[in-house]
């Protein structure tokens, strides 16, 4: 892990690693969108990250130990990114951020439904989601049920309700 910080304050050190918008967006997309390749992370996010910034953030997140990169057997120049245990353990942080955002900011139903489900499910659901992420990213045993599928289905239903109401939804 790369050395950080001017201070050993845990909030400062955390912010030095996670305190920029793009690092959080990359981690969010890996967690909730199961995006594992550079191209997916680049093109399937509403926020429109530039390729040079994405490359930099991926390198930094690997350097800090939040994600890992391995070569993709299907193409020698491609890599597959995975959350590490350190990255998976951020689920409660993302759940808290999502809940705060949906309570205090002008979010849409489709983009906040996953945050609502995570808030309603609390720590027990977060732990089940982390177990699933460990399966998807770290090769742990497959969990009994898929929290990611439940979150994704809730999002898709919210998108359909939005479409039926005549509004254009954001991309997943």
N, C-alpha and C. Protein backbone atom coordinates (compact mmCIF):
# COMPACT_ATOMS: atom_id res chain seq x y z
N UNK A 1 0.85 -1.17 0.00
CA UNK A 1 0.00 0.00 0.00
C UNK A 1 0.89 1.24 0.00
N UNK A 2 0.47 2.23 -0.78
CA UNK A 2 1.23 3.48 -0.86
C UNK A 2 1.12 4.26 0.44
N UNK A 3 2.18 4.98 0.75
CA UNK A 3 2.17 5.85 1.92
C UNK A 3 1.31 7.08 1.63
N UNK A 4 0.60 7.54 2.64
CA UNK A 4 -0.26 8.70 2.47
C UNK A 4 -0.01 9.70 3.58
N UNK A 5 -0.48 10.89 3.37
CA UNK A 5 -0.79 11.82 4.40
C UNK A 5 0.25 12.65 5.08
N UNK A 6 -0.26 13.76 5.50
CA UNK A 6 0.50 14.68 6.34
C UNK A 6 0.14 14.47 7.79
N UNK A 7 -0.93 13.75 8.04
CA UNK A 7 -1.45 13.54 9.37
C UNK A 7 -1.82 12.08 9.52
N UNK A 8 -1.74 11.59 10.73
CA UNK A 8 -2.15 10.20 10.97
C UNK A 8 -3.60 10.11 11.46
N UNK A 9 -4.34 11.20 11.35
CA UNK A 9 -5.77 11.19 11.68
C UNK A 9 -6.48 10.22 10.75
N UNK A 10 -7.29 9.29 11.26
CA UNK A 10 -7.93 8.31 10.38
C UNK A 10 -8.85 8.94 9.34
N UNK A 11 -9.52 10.03 9.68
CA UNK A 11 -10.38 10.68 8.69
C UNK A 11 -9.54 11.30 7.59
N UNK A 12 -8.45 11.96 7.96
CA UNK A 12 -7.55 12.54 6.96
C UNK A 12 -6.98 11.47 6.05
N UNK A 13 -6.48 10.39 6.62
CA UNK A 13 -5.88 9.33 5.80
C UNK A 13 -6.91 8.71 4.86
N UNK A 14 -8.13 8.50 5.35
CA UNK A 14 -9.19 7.97 4.50
C UNK A 14 -9.51 8.92 3.37
N UNK A 15 -9.60 10.21 3.69
CA UNK A 15 -9.89 11.20 2.65
C UNK A 15 -8.77 11.30 1.62
N UNK A 16 -7.55 11.09 2.03
CA UNK A 16 -6.45 11.14 1.07
C UNK A 16 -6.54 10.02 0.04
N UNK A 17 -7.17 8.92 0.42
CA UNK A 17 -7.35 7.80 -0.51
C UNK A 17 -8.68 7.91 -1.25
N UNK A 18 -9.74 8.22 -0.53
CA UNK A 18 -11.09 8.19 -1.10
C UNK A 18 -11.70 9.56 -1.34
N UNK A 19 -10.98 10.61 -1.04
CA UNK A 19 -11.58 11.94 -1.01
C UNK A 19 -11.81 12.61 -2.34
N UNK A 20 -11.58 11.93 -3.44
CA UNK A 20 -11.90 12.55 -4.72
C UNK A 20 -13.10 11.84 -5.33
N UNK A 21 -13.84 12.58 -6.09
CA UNK A 21 -15.08 12.09 -6.70
C UNK A 21 -14.86 10.81 -7.50
N UNK A 22 -13.82 10.79 -8.32
CA UNK A 22 -13.68 9.69 -9.26
C UNK A 22 -13.34 8.37 -8.60
N UNK A 23 -12.56 8.39 -7.55
CA UNK A 23 -12.25 7.13 -6.85
C UNK A 23 -13.53 6.51 -6.31
N UNK A 24 -14.39 7.32 -5.73
CA UNK A 24 -15.65 6.82 -5.19
C UNK A 24 -16.57 6.30 -6.30
N UNK A 25 -16.60 6.99 -7.43
CA UNK A 25 -17.44 6.55 -8.55
C UNK A 25 -16.95 5.21 -9.09
N UNK A 26 -15.64 5.05 -9.22
CA UNK A 26 -15.08 3.78 -9.71
C UNK A 26 -15.44 2.65 -8.75
N UNK A 27 -15.25 2.88 -7.46
CA UNK A 27 -15.59 1.85 -6.48
C UNK A 27 -17.10 1.56 -6.48
N UNK A 28 -17.92 2.60 -6.59
CA UNK A 28 -19.37 2.41 -6.67
C UNK A 28 -19.74 1.53 -7.86
N UNK A 29 -19.16 1.83 -9.01
CA UNK A 29 -19.50 1.07 -10.21
C UNK A 29 -19.01 -0.37 -10.13
N UNK A 30 -17.91 -0.60 -9.45
CA UNK A 30 -17.45 -1.98 -9.26
C UNK A 30 -18.37 -2.72 -8.29
N UNK A 31 -18.82 -2.04 -7.24
CA UNK A 31 -19.69 -2.67 -6.24
C UNK A 31 -21.09 -2.93 -6.76
N UNK A 32 -21.72 -1.88 -7.27
CA UNK A 32 -23.14 -1.95 -7.59
C UNK A 32 -23.43 -2.27 -9.05
N UNK A 33 -22.44 -2.09 -9.92
CA UNK A 33 -22.63 -2.39 -11.33
C UNK A 33 -21.83 -3.60 -11.79
N UNK A 34 -21.03 -4.17 -10.88
CA UNK A 34 -20.14 -5.29 -11.18
C UNK A 34 -19.30 -5.03 -12.44
N UNK A 35 -18.87 -3.80 -12.58
CA UNK A 35 -18.01 -3.43 -13.71
C UNK A 35 -16.58 -3.76 -13.36
N UNK A 36 -15.93 -4.54 -14.22
CA UNK A 36 -14.62 -5.08 -13.89
C UNK A 36 -13.55 -4.73 -14.90
N UNK A 37 -13.94 -4.21 -16.07
CA UNK A 37 -12.99 -3.87 -17.13
C UNK A 37 -12.94 -2.36 -17.33
N UNK A 38 -11.80 -1.89 -17.80
CA UNK A 38 -11.60 -0.47 -18.05
C UNK A 38 -12.72 0.10 -18.93
N UNK A 39 -13.03 -0.57 -20.03
CA UNK A 39 -14.03 -0.08 -20.98
C UNK A 39 -15.41 0.05 -20.32
N UNK A 40 -15.79 -0.93 -19.51
CA UNK A 40 -17.07 -0.85 -18.79
C UNK A 40 -17.10 0.35 -17.84
N UNK A 41 -16.04 0.53 -17.11
CA UNK A 41 -15.97 1.64 -16.16
C UNK A 41 -15.97 2.98 -16.89
N UNK A 42 -15.39 3.02 -18.07
CA UNK A 42 -15.31 4.25 -18.84
C UNK A 42 -16.65 4.61 -19.48
N UNK A 43 -17.35 3.63 -20.02
CA UNK A 43 -18.52 3.95 -20.86
C UNK A 43 -19.88 3.77 -20.19
N UNK A 44 -19.95 3.05 -19.09
CA UNK A 44 -21.26 2.73 -18.51
C UNK A 44 -21.59 3.55 -17.27
N UNK A 45 -21.00 4.71 -17.15
CA UNK A 45 -21.27 5.56 -15.99
C UNK A 45 -21.80 6.90 -16.48
N UNK A 46 -22.84 7.39 -15.84
CA UNK A 46 -23.43 8.69 -16.21
C UNK A 46 -22.47 9.85 -16.03
N UNK A 47 -21.52 9.69 -15.13
CA UNK A 47 -20.68 10.82 -14.76
C UNK A 47 -19.66 11.22 -15.83
N UNK A 48 -19.36 10.33 -16.75
CA UNK A 48 -18.50 10.68 -17.88
C UNK A 48 -17.04 10.92 -17.54
N UNK A 49 -16.42 9.98 -16.87
CA UNK A 49 -15.01 10.10 -16.51
C UNK A 49 -14.15 10.04 -17.78
N UNK A 50 -13.12 10.84 -17.83
CA UNK A 50 -12.17 10.82 -18.94
C UNK A 50 -11.24 9.61 -18.80
N UNK A 51 -10.79 9.06 -19.92
CA UNK A 51 -9.98 7.84 -19.88
C UNK A 51 -8.68 8.03 -19.10
N UNK A 52 -8.04 9.19 -19.23
CA UNK A 52 -6.79 9.40 -18.50
C UNK A 52 -7.03 9.48 -16.99
N UNK A 53 -8.15 10.06 -16.59
CA UNK A 53 -8.48 10.13 -15.16
C UNK A 53 -8.83 8.74 -14.63
N UNK A 54 -9.60 7.98 -15.41
CA UNK A 54 -9.93 6.62 -15.00
C UNK A 54 -8.66 5.79 -14.82
N UNK A 55 -7.75 5.87 -15.78
CA UNK A 55 -6.50 5.11 -15.68
C UNK A 55 -5.73 5.49 -14.42
N UNK A 56 -5.69 6.79 -14.13
CA UNK A 56 -5.00 7.26 -12.93
C UNK A 56 -5.67 6.75 -11.67
N UNK A 57 -7.00 6.81 -11.60
CA UNK A 57 -7.71 6.37 -10.40
C UNK A 57 -7.57 4.87 -10.20
N UNK A 58 -7.65 4.10 -11.27
CA UNK A 58 -7.46 2.66 -11.14
C UNK A 58 -6.07 2.35 -10.60
N UNK A 59 -5.07 3.03 -11.12
CA UNK A 59 -3.70 2.83 -10.65
C UNK A 59 -3.58 3.18 -9.17
N UNK A 60 -4.18 4.29 -8.77
CA UNK A 60 -4.12 4.72 -7.37
C UNK A 60 -4.86 3.74 -6.46
N UNK A 61 -6.04 3.29 -6.89
CA UNK A 61 -6.81 2.36 -6.07
C UNK A 61 -6.09 1.02 -5.93
N UNK A 62 -5.42 0.58 -6.98
CA UNK A 62 -4.59 -0.62 -6.90
C UNK A 62 -3.44 -0.37 -5.93
N UNK A 63 -2.77 0.78 -6.07
CA UNK A 63 -1.64 1.12 -5.21
C UNK A 63 -1.99 1.19 -3.73
N UNK A 64 -3.22 1.62 -3.45
CA UNK A 64 -3.66 1.71 -2.05
C UNK A 64 -4.27 0.42 -1.54
N UNK A 65 -4.41 -0.58 -2.41
CA UNK A 65 -4.89 -1.88 -1.98
C UNK A 65 -6.40 -2.04 -1.93
N UNK A 66 -7.16 -1.11 -2.53
CA UNK A 66 -8.62 -1.23 -2.53
C UNK A 66 -9.13 -2.11 -3.66
N UNK A 67 -8.38 -2.19 -4.74
CA UNK A 67 -8.71 -3.07 -5.85
C UNK A 67 -7.43 -3.77 -6.31
N UNK A 68 -7.61 -4.83 -7.06
CA UNK A 68 -6.47 -5.53 -7.66
C UNK A 68 -6.72 -5.61 -9.16
N UNK A 69 -5.66 -5.87 -9.89
CA UNK A 69 -5.74 -6.02 -11.34
C UNK A 69 -5.02 -7.30 -11.72
N UNK A 70 -5.67 -8.08 -12.58
CA UNK A 70 -5.02 -9.26 -13.16
C UNK A 70 -5.25 -9.23 -14.65
N UNK A 71 -4.37 -9.89 -15.37
CA UNK A 71 -4.52 -9.94 -16.82
C UNK A 71 -5.77 -10.73 -17.19
N UNK A 72 -6.43 -10.29 -18.25
CA UNK A 72 -7.60 -10.97 -18.78
C UNK A 72 -7.11 -12.03 -19.77
N UNK A 73 -7.44 -13.27 -19.51
CA UNK A 73 -6.98 -14.37 -20.37
C UNK A 73 -7.50 -14.24 -21.80
N UNK A 74 -8.60 -13.52 -22.00
CA UNK A 74 -9.17 -13.39 -23.34
C UNK A 74 -8.43 -12.38 -24.21
N UNK A 75 -7.62 -11.52 -23.59
CA UNK A 75 -6.90 -10.50 -24.35
C UNK A 75 -5.73 -10.02 -23.51
N UNK A 76 -4.50 -10.17 -24.02
CA UNK A 76 -3.34 -9.91 -23.19
C UNK A 76 -3.17 -8.45 -22.78
N UNK A 77 -3.81 -7.52 -23.48
CA UNK A 77 -3.69 -6.12 -23.10
C UNK A 77 -4.79 -5.64 -22.16
N UNK A 78 -5.79 -6.50 -21.91
CA UNK A 78 -6.90 -6.14 -21.03
C UNK A 78 -6.63 -6.62 -19.62
N UNK A 79 -7.21 -5.91 -18.69
CA UNK A 79 -7.11 -6.32 -17.30
C UNK A 79 -8.49 -6.48 -16.70
N UNK A 80 -8.57 -7.29 -15.67
CA UNK A 80 -9.80 -7.45 -14.90
C UNK A 80 -9.53 -6.89 -13.51
N UNK A 81 -10.35 -5.95 -13.11
CA UNK A 81 -10.20 -5.32 -11.80
C UNK A 81 -11.15 -5.98 -10.83
N UNK A 82 -10.69 -6.15 -9.61
CA UNK A 82 -11.49 -6.77 -8.56
C UNK A 82 -11.34 -5.96 -7.29
N UNK A 83 -12.42 -5.92 -6.53
CA UNK A 83 -12.34 -5.33 -5.19
C UNK A 83 -11.50 -6.26 -4.33
N UNK A 84 -10.70 -5.69 -3.46
CA UNK A 84 -10.00 -6.47 -2.44
C UNK A 84 -10.88 -6.49 -1.20
N UNK A 85 -10.45 -7.19 -0.18
CA UNK A 85 -11.20 -7.17 1.09
C UNK A 85 -11.32 -5.74 1.61
N UNK A 86 -10.27 -4.96 1.42
CA UNK A 86 -10.30 -3.56 1.85
C UNK A 86 -11.39 -2.80 1.10
N UNK A 87 -11.55 -3.06 -0.20
CA UNK A 87 -12.59 -2.42 -0.99
C UNK A 87 -13.98 -2.90 -0.62
N UNK A 88 -14.12 -4.21 -0.44
CA UNK A 88 -15.41 -4.79 -0.06
C UNK A 88 -15.89 -4.19 1.26
N UNK A 89 -14.96 -3.96 2.18
CA UNK A 89 -15.33 -3.47 3.51
C UNK A 89 -15.88 -2.05 3.49
N UNK A 90 -15.87 -1.40 2.34
CA UNK A 90 -16.44 -0.05 2.21
C UNK A 90 -17.95 -0.06 2.00
N UNK A 91 -18.57 -1.22 1.88
CA UNK A 91 -20.02 -1.28 1.67
C UNK A 91 -20.78 -0.46 2.71
N UNK A 92 -20.50 -0.58 4.02
CA UNK A 92 -21.24 0.25 4.97
C UNK A 92 -21.05 1.75 4.76
N UNK A 93 -19.87 2.15 4.31
CA UNK A 93 -19.61 3.56 4.03
C UNK A 93 -20.47 4.02 2.86
N UNK A 94 -20.52 3.23 1.79
CA UNK A 94 -21.36 3.57 0.64
C UNK A 94 -22.84 3.55 1.01
N UNK A 95 -23.24 2.61 1.85
CA UNK A 95 -24.63 2.56 2.30
C UNK A 95 -24.98 3.84 3.07
N UNK A 96 -24.09 4.27 3.94
CA UNK A 96 -24.34 5.49 4.72
C UNK A 96 -24.35 6.72 3.82
N UNK A 97 -23.44 6.78 2.85
CA UNK A 97 -23.42 7.92 1.92
C UNK A 97 -24.70 7.95 1.09
N UNK A 98 -25.13 6.80 0.60
CA UNK A 98 -26.35 6.74 -0.19
C UNK A 98 -27.57 7.13 0.61
N UNK A 99 -27.64 6.68 1.85
CA UNK A 99 -28.77 7.02 2.70
C UNK A 99 -28.78 8.52 3.00
N UNK A 100 -27.65 9.07 3.31
CA UNK A 100 -27.56 10.51 3.57
C UNK A 100 -28.00 11.29 2.33
N UNK A 101 -27.49 10.91 1.17
CA UNK A 101 -27.84 11.59 -0.07
C UNK A 101 -29.32 11.53 -0.39
N UNK A 102 -29.93 10.37 -0.19
CA UNK A 102 -31.36 10.27 -0.52
C UNK A 102 -32.22 11.02 0.47
N UNK A 103 -31.74 11.21 1.70
CA UNK A 103 -32.52 11.95 2.69
C UNK A 103 -32.38 13.46 2.55
N UNK A 104 -31.23 13.94 2.06
CA UNK A 104 -30.98 15.38 2.09
C UNK A 104 -30.77 16.04 0.73
N UNK A 105 -30.70 15.26 -0.33
CA UNK A 105 -30.41 15.83 -1.65
C UNK A 105 -31.53 15.47 -2.64
N UNK A 106 -31.64 16.25 -3.71
CA UNK A 106 -32.73 16.02 -4.68
C UNK A 106 -32.44 14.86 -5.64
N UNK A 107 -32.49 13.64 -5.13
CA UNK A 107 -32.18 12.45 -5.92
C UNK A 107 -33.44 11.94 -6.60
N UNK A 108 -33.26 11.14 -7.64
CA UNK A 108 -34.40 10.51 -8.31
C UNK A 108 -34.65 9.15 -7.68
N UNK A 109 -35.87 8.65 -7.86
CA UNK A 109 -36.21 7.34 -7.29
C UNK A 109 -35.33 6.24 -7.87
N UNK A 110 -35.14 6.25 -9.20
CA UNK A 110 -34.37 5.18 -9.81
C UNK A 110 -32.92 5.16 -9.33
N UNK A 111 -32.34 6.34 -9.15
CA UNK A 111 -30.94 6.38 -8.73
C UNK A 111 -30.76 6.21 -7.22
N UNK A 112 -31.84 6.25 -6.46
CA UNK A 112 -31.71 6.13 -5.00
C UNK A 112 -32.34 4.86 -4.43
N UNK A 113 -32.97 4.06 -5.27
CA UNK A 113 -33.67 2.88 -4.77
C UNK A 113 -32.71 1.90 -4.09
N UNK A 114 -31.51 1.74 -4.63
CA UNK A 114 -30.56 0.81 -4.02
C UNK A 114 -30.14 1.32 -2.63
N UNK A 115 -29.94 2.64 -2.53
CA UNK A 115 -29.59 3.22 -1.23
C UNK A 115 -30.71 3.00 -0.22
N UNK A 116 -31.94 3.13 -0.68
CA UNK A 116 -33.08 2.92 0.21
C UNK A 116 -33.13 1.47 0.71
N UNK A 117 -32.94 0.53 -0.20
CA UNK A 117 -32.94 -0.88 0.19
C UNK A 117 -31.81 -1.21 1.15
N UNK A 118 -30.63 -0.66 0.90
CA UNK A 118 -29.50 -0.89 1.80
C UNK A 118 -29.76 -0.28 3.18
N UNK A 119 -30.34 0.91 3.20
CA UNK A 119 -30.66 1.55 4.48
C UNK A 119 -31.70 0.72 5.23
N UNK A 120 -32.74 0.28 4.52
CA UNK A 120 -33.79 -0.51 5.16
C UNK A 120 -33.25 -1.86 5.65
N UNK A 121 -32.34 -2.45 4.89
CA UNK A 121 -31.80 -3.76 5.25
C UNK A 121 -30.77 -3.69 6.36
N UNK A 122 -30.13 -2.52 6.51
CA UNK A 122 -29.16 -2.32 7.58
C UNK A 122 -27.96 -3.24 7.51
N UNK A 123 -27.23 -3.33 8.63
CA UNK A 123 -25.97 -4.10 8.66
C UNK A 123 -26.10 -5.56 8.24
N UNK A 124 -27.25 -6.18 8.51
CA UNK A 124 -27.40 -7.60 8.10
C UNK A 124 -27.37 -7.72 6.57
N UNK A 125 -28.04 -6.81 5.88
CA UNK A 125 -28.04 -6.84 4.41
C UNK A 125 -26.66 -6.45 3.87
N UNK A 126 -26.03 -5.49 4.50
CA UNK A 126 -24.69 -5.08 4.07
C UNK A 126 -23.73 -6.27 4.13
N UNK A 127 -23.81 -7.03 5.22
CA UNK A 127 -22.93 -8.19 5.37
C UNK A 127 -23.20 -9.23 4.29
N UNK A 128 -24.46 -9.46 3.97
CA UNK A 128 -24.79 -10.41 2.89
C UNK A 128 -24.28 -9.90 1.55
N UNK A 129 -24.38 -8.58 1.33
CA UNK A 129 -23.86 -7.99 0.10
C UNK A 129 -22.33 -8.14 0.05
N UNK A 130 -21.66 -7.91 1.16
CA UNK A 130 -20.20 -8.08 1.20
C UNK A 130 -19.81 -9.53 0.94
N UNK A 131 -20.60 -10.49 1.46
CA UNK A 131 -20.33 -11.90 1.17
C UNK A 131 -20.42 -12.16 -0.34
N UNK A 132 -21.41 -11.55 -0.97
CA UNK A 132 -21.56 -11.73 -2.42
C UNK A 132 -20.41 -11.08 -3.18
N UNK A 133 -19.99 -9.90 -2.76
CA UNK A 133 -18.85 -9.25 -3.40
C UNK A 133 -17.58 -10.07 -3.22
N UNK A 134 -17.43 -10.70 -2.07
CA UNK A 134 -16.28 -11.58 -1.86
C UNK A 134 -16.33 -12.76 -2.82
N UNK A 135 -17.51 -13.28 -3.09
CA UNK A 135 -17.67 -14.35 -4.08
C UNK A 135 -17.29 -13.84 -5.48
N UNK A 136 -17.85 -12.68 -5.87
CA UNK A 136 -17.63 -12.16 -7.22
C UNK A 136 -16.19 -11.72 -7.46
N UNK A 137 -15.55 -11.15 -6.45
CA UNK A 137 -14.24 -10.54 -6.64
C UNK A 137 -13.08 -11.33 -6.04
N UNK A 138 -13.36 -12.14 -5.02
CA UNK A 138 -12.26 -12.77 -4.29
C UNK A 138 -12.31 -14.30 -4.30
N UNK A 139 -13.31 -14.86 -4.96
CA UNK A 139 -13.39 -16.31 -5.06
C UNK A 139 -13.91 -17.01 -3.82
N UNK A 140 -14.58 -16.29 -2.93
CA UNK A 140 -15.18 -16.90 -1.74
C UNK A 140 -16.36 -17.77 -2.16
N UNK A 141 -16.86 -18.59 -1.25
CA UNK A 141 -18.02 -19.44 -1.60
C UNK A 141 -19.23 -18.58 -2.01
N UNK A 142 -20.03 -19.15 -2.91
CA UNK A 142 -21.24 -18.47 -3.39
C UNK A 142 -22.25 -18.36 -2.25
N UNK A 143 -22.79 -17.15 -2.05
CA UNK A 143 -23.82 -17.02 -1.02
C UNK A 143 -25.14 -17.64 -1.46
N UNK A 144 -26.03 -17.86 -0.50
CA UNK A 144 -27.33 -18.49 -0.80
C UNK A 144 -28.17 -17.65 -1.74
N UNK A 145 -28.20 -16.34 -1.50
CA UNK A 145 -29.03 -15.47 -2.33
C UNK A 145 -28.18 -14.30 -2.84
N UNK A 146 -28.70 -13.62 -3.83
CA UNK A 146 -27.97 -12.53 -4.45
C UNK A 146 -28.57 -11.18 -4.07
N UNK A 147 -27.85 -10.46 -3.23
CA UNK A 147 -28.26 -9.09 -2.88
C UNK A 147 -28.10 -8.19 -4.10
N UNK A 148 -27.04 -8.39 -4.86
CA UNK A 148 -26.81 -7.58 -6.06
C UNK A 148 -27.97 -7.73 -7.04
N UNK A 149 -28.46 -8.94 -7.23
CA UNK A 149 -29.61 -9.15 -8.13
C UNK A 149 -30.84 -8.43 -7.60
N UNK A 150 -31.05 -8.47 -6.31
CA UNK A 150 -32.19 -7.77 -5.71
C UNK A 150 -32.06 -6.25 -5.90
N UNK A 151 -30.88 -5.71 -5.68
CA UNK A 151 -30.66 -4.28 -5.86
C UNK A 151 -30.82 -3.89 -7.33
N UNK A 152 -30.31 -4.71 -8.22
CA UNK A 152 -30.40 -4.44 -9.65
C UNK A 152 -31.85 -4.51 -10.13
N UNK A 153 -32.59 -5.49 -9.67
CA UNK A 153 -33.99 -5.61 -10.05
C UNK A 153 -34.81 -4.43 -9.54
N UNK A 154 -34.55 -3.99 -8.34
CA UNK A 154 -35.26 -2.82 -7.80
C UNK A 154 -34.96 -1.58 -8.64
N UNK A 155 -33.71 -1.45 -9.05
CA UNK A 155 -33.33 -0.33 -9.92
C UNK A 155 -34.07 -0.42 -11.25
N UNK A 156 -34.07 -1.60 -11.85
CA UNK A 156 -34.75 -1.77 -13.15
C UNK A 156 -36.25 -1.47 -13.05
N UNK A 157 -36.87 -1.88 -11.98
CA UNK A 157 -38.30 -1.59 -11.78
C UNK A 157 -38.52 -0.09 -11.63
N UNK A 158 -37.64 0.59 -10.91
CA UNK A 158 -37.76 2.05 -10.75
C UNK A 158 -37.57 2.74 -12.09
N UNK A 159 -36.66 2.24 -12.93
CA UNK A 159 -36.45 2.80 -14.27
C UNK A 159 -37.72 2.62 -15.10
N UNK A 160 -38.32 1.45 -15.03
CA UNK A 160 -39.55 1.20 -15.79
C UNK A 160 -40.69 2.10 -15.33
N UNK A 161 -40.81 2.33 -14.02
CA UNK A 161 -41.84 3.25 -13.51
C UNK A 161 -41.59 4.66 -14.04
N UNK A 162 -40.32 5.05 -14.09
CA UNK A 162 -39.96 6.37 -14.58
C UNK A 162 -40.30 6.49 -16.07
N UNK A 163 -39.99 5.46 -16.84
CA UNK A 163 -40.32 5.45 -18.27
C UNK A 163 -41.82 5.51 -18.48
N UNK A 164 -42.55 4.73 -17.69
CA UNK A 164 -44.01 4.71 -17.82
C UNK A 164 -44.61 6.07 -17.49
N UNK A 165 -43.94 6.80 -16.61
CA UNK A 165 -44.41 8.13 -16.23
C UNK A 165 -43.97 9.19 -17.26
N UNK A 166 -43.16 8.77 -18.25
CA UNK A 166 -42.76 9.67 -19.31
C UNK A 166 -41.45 10.41 -19.13
N UNK A 167 -40.65 10.03 -18.15
CA UNK A 167 -39.36 10.68 -17.93
C UNK A 167 -38.26 9.74 -18.39
N UNK A 168 -37.17 10.31 -18.86
CA UNK A 168 -36.01 9.51 -19.27
C UNK A 168 -35.14 9.18 -18.07
N UNK A 169 -34.87 7.90 -17.79
CA UNK A 169 -34.03 7.53 -16.66
C UNK A 169 -32.54 7.71 -16.96
N UNK A 170 -31.75 7.77 -15.91
CA UNK A 170 -30.30 7.80 -16.05
C UNK A 170 -29.82 6.38 -16.32
N UNK A 171 -28.59 6.25 -16.83
CA UNK A 171 -28.00 4.93 -17.05
C UNK A 171 -27.65 4.30 -15.71
N UNK A 172 -27.59 2.98 -15.69
CA UNK A 172 -27.32 2.25 -14.42
C UNK A 172 -25.99 2.64 -13.87
